[in-house]
Protein backbone atom coordinates (compact mmCIF):
# COMPACT_ATOMS: atom_id res chain seq x y z
CA MET A 1 -14.62 7.33 -2.83
CA ILE A 2 -11.15 8.86 -3.29
CA THR A 3 -7.70 7.41 -3.06
CA PHE A 4 -4.38 9.05 -1.53
CA ASN A 5 -1.53 7.88 -3.06
CA ASN A 6 2.01 10.34 -2.52
CA ASP A 7 -0.50 12.94 -1.40
CA ASP A 8 -0.29 13.66 2.07
CA ASN A 9 -2.03 17.30 2.14
CA GLY A 10 -4.85 16.01 0.41
CA TYR A 11 -5.22 13.02 2.67
CA LEU A 12 -4.60 15.20 5.92
CA ASN A 13 -7.61 17.59 4.47
CA TRP A 14 -9.70 14.96 3.84
CA ILE A 15 -9.74 13.27 7.55
CA ARG A 16 -10.09 16.82 8.84
CA ASN A 17 -12.95 17.68 6.50
CA ASN A 18 -14.99 14.09 7.07
CA HIS A 19 -14.73 13.13 10.84
CA ASN A 20 -17.54 10.10 10.03
CA GLY A 21 -15.47 8.70 7.35
CA TYR A 22 -13.55 5.66 7.05
CA VAL A 23 -10.36 4.61 5.66
CA ILE A 24 -8.96 1.78 4.04
CA ASN A 25 -4.94 1.76 4.87
CA TYR A 26 -3.07 -0.86 2.62
CA ALA A 27 0.44 -0.99 0.81
CA HIS A 28 1.13 -1.18 -2.93
CA SER A 29 1.14 -4.37 -4.58
CA PRO A 30 1.86 -7.34 -4.14
CA LEU A 31 1.49 -6.35 -0.27
CA ALA A 32 -2.15 -5.09 -0.85
CA GLU A 33 -3.43 -8.37 0.90
CA ILE A 34 -3.46 -6.72 4.42
CA LEU A 35 -6.07 -3.93 4.40
CA SER A 36 -7.09 -2.29 7.32
CA LEU A 37 -10.58 -0.29 7.96
CA HIS A 38 -10.49 2.50 10.29
CA ARG A 39 -12.46 5.65 11.32
CA ALA A 40 -11.31 8.68 9.75
CA GLY A 41 -10.11 9.90 13.56
CA CYS A 42 -8.53 6.89 14.02
CA SER A 43 -5.15 7.69 16.06
CA THR A 44 -3.13 5.26 14.15
CA ILE A 45 -3.62 6.74 10.89
CA SER A 46 -4.42 10.53 11.54
CA ILE A 47 -2.29 13.46 12.83
CA LYS A 48 -2.75 12.39 16.24
CA LYS A 49 0.10 9.69 15.69
CA LYS A 50 3.68 11.34 15.41
CA GLN A 51 4.61 10.23 11.66
CA THR A 52 6.12 12.29 8.56
CA THR A 53 4.22 10.62 5.88
CA TRP A 54 0.86 8.91 5.49
CA THR A 55 0.62 8.28 1.43
CA ALA A 56 4.08 7.74 0.87
CA ASN A 57 6.80 4.99 0.82
CA GLY A 58 4.23 2.28 -0.41
CA HIS A 59 1.03 3.22 1.50
CA ILE A 60 -2.23 4.04 0.21
CA LYS A 61 -5.07 5.57 1.71
CA THR A 62 -8.77 4.88 0.08
CA CYS A 63 -11.29 6.94 1.82
CA ALA A 64 -14.99 7.17 1.91
CA ASN A 65 -17.78 8.67 4.12
CA ASP A 66 -19.73 5.04 3.37
CA ARG A 67 -18.34 2.10 5.22
CA GLU A 68 -20.09 -0.50 3.37
CA GLU A 69 -18.95 1.22 0.01
CA LEU A 70 -15.46 0.78 1.07
CA VAL A 71 -15.68 -2.75 1.89
CA LYS A 72 -17.46 -3.71 -1.35
CA TRP A 73 -14.63 -1.83 -3.11
CA THR A 74 -11.98 -3.80 -1.44
CA LYS A 75 -13.51 -7.34 -2.29
CA GLU A 76 -14.41 -6.47 -6.02
CA ARG A 77 -10.80 -5.04 -6.02
CA PHE A 78 -8.57 -7.34 -3.93
CA GLY A 79 -11.03 -10.27 -3.51
CA HIS A 80 -11.60 -10.26 -0.18
CA GLY A 81 -12.67 -7.62 2.70
CA PRO A 82 -10.74 -5.45 5.13
CA ILE A 83 -9.83 -6.23 8.44
CA PRO A 84 -10.89 -3.75 11.06
CA CYS A 85 -9.22 -1.50 13.37
CA GLY A 86 -8.78 -2.87 16.67
CA ILE A 87 -8.26 0.25 18.11
CA CYS A 88 -10.96 2.40 16.41
CA LYS A 89 -13.35 -0.42 15.80
CA PRO A 90 -14.98 0.87 12.84
């Protein structure tokens, strides 16, 4: 598991190299109650979307190849699990 905060290049490299991975997208506290779970290739969190920043301006990405590891991590850290993306359906 790896977290990207103000590291767009690192994040974009990770999703390119981990096509079968998963990403939790969330904002800095106190907005961390909104946790979204995505597949690494989801168009809403990948280079397919025209966006200039990915891990800046208050957004953080925590990534792993094991979906259950991420779900467990969010429950331990934030007290609840993530909301699955309605587009990529992880």
